[in-house]
Amino acid sequence: MDQLEKLETSIPISSSADKFFNFFRNDMNLLVNVVPANFQSVELISGEDGSVGAVKRWKYVLGEISLSVDLETVAIDEGARSITFKAVDGDVLVLYKTYGFTIAVSDGLVVWTIFYEKAFITALLQMLMLPLRPWLLSWWIFTFSPINNTRRTNRGRWETI
């Protein structure tokens, strides 16, 4: 029923390709210092840092919620300057059966590829919400729109103000 899906984007970078690649291979722990509002901590759980098979536990904040994910380094290609990480445990696996990403760096450009397979609960929630989307959208617009000149009466009808 579920299938592996993929999102890909490319972003220009001003640093050298080797420096950017080596940051994500060896110094990704520094993201805790670079973006402390988003990343709380990182610890090596198993393996050797910067090598295939290494697993790190990342604690991060999404909105106001503290979450964690254990990421395993599953592939490193020095020639192509690419690294692939895969979630092996953590909050992200509640919504996804499989979740991972690849970073591929070339001169002046980094390509981020995210791959995932939705968990049954995610697919079920989307199917349940699909028929409600038009209703929710119209309810939201008419209830909370500051430019709207209508309001809902006690009897559930709309009237112009």
Protein backbone atom coordinates (compact mmCIF):
# COMPACT_ATOMS: atom_id res chain seq x y z
CA MET A 1 0.00 0.00 0.00
CA ASP A 2 2.69 2.50 0.96
CA GLN A 3 5.51 3.44 -1.35
CA LEU A 4 8.83 5.21 -1.04
CA GLU A 5 8.48 8.87 -1.98
CA LYS A 6 11.22 11.40 -2.69
CA LEU A 7 11.65 15.17 -2.46
CA GLU A 8 14.67 16.86 -3.97
CA THR A 9 15.97 20.42 -4.02
CA SER A 10 19.24 22.10 -4.88
CA ILE A 11 20.70 25.13 -3.15
CA PRO A 12 23.68 27.25 -4.21
CA ILE A 13 26.51 27.42 -1.66
CA SER A 14 29.37 29.88 -1.36
CA SER A 15 31.83 27.62 0.45
CA SER A 16 34.00 25.06 -1.29
CA ALA A 17 32.40 21.69 -2.01
CA ASP A 18 35.03 19.85 0.06
CA LYS A 19 34.53 22.11 3.08
CA PHE A 20 30.74 21.73 2.95
CA PHE A 21 30.96 17.94 2.48
CA ASN A 22 33.45 17.56 5.34
CA PHE A 23 31.24 19.63 7.64
CA PHE A 24 28.36 17.18 7.20
CA ARG A 25 30.67 14.19 7.40
CA ASN A 26 32.79 15.16 10.42
CA ASP A 27 31.45 18.31 12.10
CA MET A 28 27.66 18.10 11.83
CA ASN A 29 27.56 18.15 15.65
CA LEU A 30 28.34 21.87 15.40
CA LEU A 31 24.78 22.51 14.22
CA VAL A 32 23.91 22.56 17.93
CA ASN A 33 26.10 25.68 18.25
CA VAL A 34 25.14 27.19 14.88
CA VAL A 35 21.35 26.83 15.31
CA PRO A 36 20.74 26.41 19.06
CA ALA A 37 17.07 27.37 18.74
CA ASN A 38 16.46 24.26 16.63
CA PHE A 39 19.03 21.72 17.82
CA GLN A 40 19.35 20.95 21.52
CA SER A 41 21.98 18.20 21.57
CA VAL A 42 23.66 15.43 19.64
CA GLU A 43 25.42 12.34 20.96
CA LEU A 44 27.19 9.46 19.28
CA ILE A 45 25.36 6.24 20.22
CA SER A 46 27.36 3.70 18.25
CA GLY A 47 30.07 3.42 15.63
CA GLU A 48 32.85 5.82 14.77
CA ASP A 49 32.03 9.47 14.07
CA GLY A 50 32.24 10.29 10.35
CA SER A 51 32.01 6.69 9.16
CA VAL A 52 29.35 4.38 7.75
CA GLY A 53 27.35 2.72 10.52
CA ALA A 54 27.69 5.58 13.01
CA VAL A 55 24.43 6.35 14.83
CA LYS A 56 23.81 9.72 16.47
CA ARG A 57 20.87 10.80 18.62
CA TRP A 58 19.69 14.29 17.70
CA LYS A 59 17.43 16.23 20.05
CA TYR A 60 15.71 19.10 18.28
CA VAL A 61 12.78 21.50 18.57
CA LEU A 62 9.98 21.75 16.04
CA GLY A 63 7.74 24.66 16.90
CA GLU A 64 7.47 24.36 20.67
CA ILE A 65 7.84 20.57 20.77
CA SER A 66 11.07 18.79 21.76
CA LEU A 67 11.71 15.72 19.61
CA SER A 68 14.52 13.26 18.96
CA VAL A 69 15.75 11.07 16.14
CA ASP A 70 18.53 8.49 15.86
CA LEU A 71 20.26 8.92 12.49
CA GLU A 72 22.52 6.27 11.03
CA THR A 73 25.12 7.11 8.40
CA VAL A 74 24.33 4.50 5.75
CA ALA A 75 26.54 5.62 2.86
CA ILE A 76 29.49 7.93 2.24
CA ASP A 77 30.79 8.47 -1.29
CA GLU A 78 33.99 10.53 -1.25
CA GLY A 79 34.15 10.80 -5.05
CA ALA A 80 30.60 12.06 -5.45
CA ARG A 81 30.83 13.99 -2.15
CA SER A 82 27.57 12.51 -0.92
CA ILE A 83 26.35 11.23 2.44
CA THR A 84 23.15 9.34 3.17
CA PHE A 85 21.50 9.26 6.60
CA LYS A 86 18.53 7.15 7.68
CA ALA A 87 16.33 7.41 10.78
CA VAL A 88 16.55 4.20 12.82
CA ASP A 89 14.58 5.38 15.87
CA GLY A 90 12.75 8.43 17.15
CA ASP A 91 9.67 10.56 16.79
CA VAL A 92 9.84 10.86 12.99
CA LEU A 93 9.16 7.12 12.70
CA VAL A 94 5.71 7.61 14.21
CA LEU A 95 4.64 9.30 10.96
CA TYR A 96 7.00 7.52 8.56
CA LYS A 97 8.01 3.87 8.18
CA THR A 98 11.19 4.99 6.46
CA TYR A 99 12.79 8.43 6.59
CA GLY A 100 16.21 9.53 5.41
CA PHE A 101 18.10 12.03 3.36
CA THR A 102 21.11 12.35 1.09
CA ILE A 103 23.38 15.36 0.77
CA ALA A 104 25.32 15.55 -2.51
CA VAL A 105 27.76 18.44 -2.94
CA SER A 106 29.31 19.76 -6.13
CA ASP A 107 31.11 23.03 -6.84
CA GLY A 108 28.73 25.81 -5.83
CA LEU A 109 25.69 23.56 -5.32
CA VAL A 110 24.27 21.13 -2.76
CA VAL A 111 21.46 18.72 -3.65
CA TRP A 112 19.26 17.57 -0.75
CA THR A 113 17.18 14.45 -1.37
CA ILE A 114 14.68 13.34 1.26
CA PHE A 115 13.18 9.87 0.95
CA TYR A 116 10.32 8.57 3.04
CA GLU A 117 7.54 6.02 3.26
CA LYS A 118 4.42 7.12 5.08
CA ALA A 119 3.30 5.06 8.04
CA PHE A 120 -0.23 3.68 7.98
CA ILE A 121 -1.43 6.23 10.54
CA THR A 122 -0.21 9.13 8.36
CA ALA A 123 -1.94 7.76 5.30
CA LEU A 124 -5.11 7.10 7.31
CA LEU A 125 -5.17 10.66 8.70
CA GLN A 126 -4.72 12.11 5.22
CA MET A 127 -7.55 9.97 3.85
CA LEU A 128 -9.85 11.01 6.69
CA MET A 129 -9.01 14.69 6.27
CA LEU A 130 -9.41 14.77 2.48
CA PRO A 131 -13.22 15.13 2.46
CA LEU A 132 -13.03 17.75 5.22
CA ARG A 133 -10.46 20.03 3.55
CA PRO A 134 -12.91 22.24 1.60
CA TRP A 135 -15.13 22.61 4.65
CA LEU A 136 -12.18 23.39 6.95
CA LEU A 137 -10.76 25.92 4.51
CA SER A 138 -14.05 27.77 4.11
CA TRP A 139 -14.68 27.67 7.87
CA TRP A 140 -11.21 29.09 8.56
CA ILE A 141 -11.56 31.89 6.00
CA PHE A 142 -15.02 32.99 7.13
CA THR A 143 -14.26 32.70 10.82
CA PHE A 144 -10.81 34.23 11.09
CA SER A 145 -10.27 36.37 8.00
CA PRO A 146 -9.58 39.99 9.02
CA ILE A 147 -10.79 41.27 5.65
CA ASN A 148 -14.03 39.36 5.85
CA ASN A 149 -17.13 41.48 6.44
CA THR A 150 -19.33 38.58 7.55
CA ARG A 151 -19.89 36.89 10.86
CA ARG A 152 -21.57 33.76 12.09
CA THR A 153 -24.85 34.20 13.96
CA ASN A 154 -26.00 32.14 16.94
CA ARG A 155 -28.19 30.11 14.58
CA GLY A 156 -25.20 29.06 12.48
CA ARG A 157 -25.93 31.39 9.56
CA TRP A 158 -23.66 33.98 7.98
CA GLU A 159 -24.62 37.63 7.89
CA THR A 160 -22.96 40.73 6.51
CA ILE A 161 -21.71 43.19 9.10
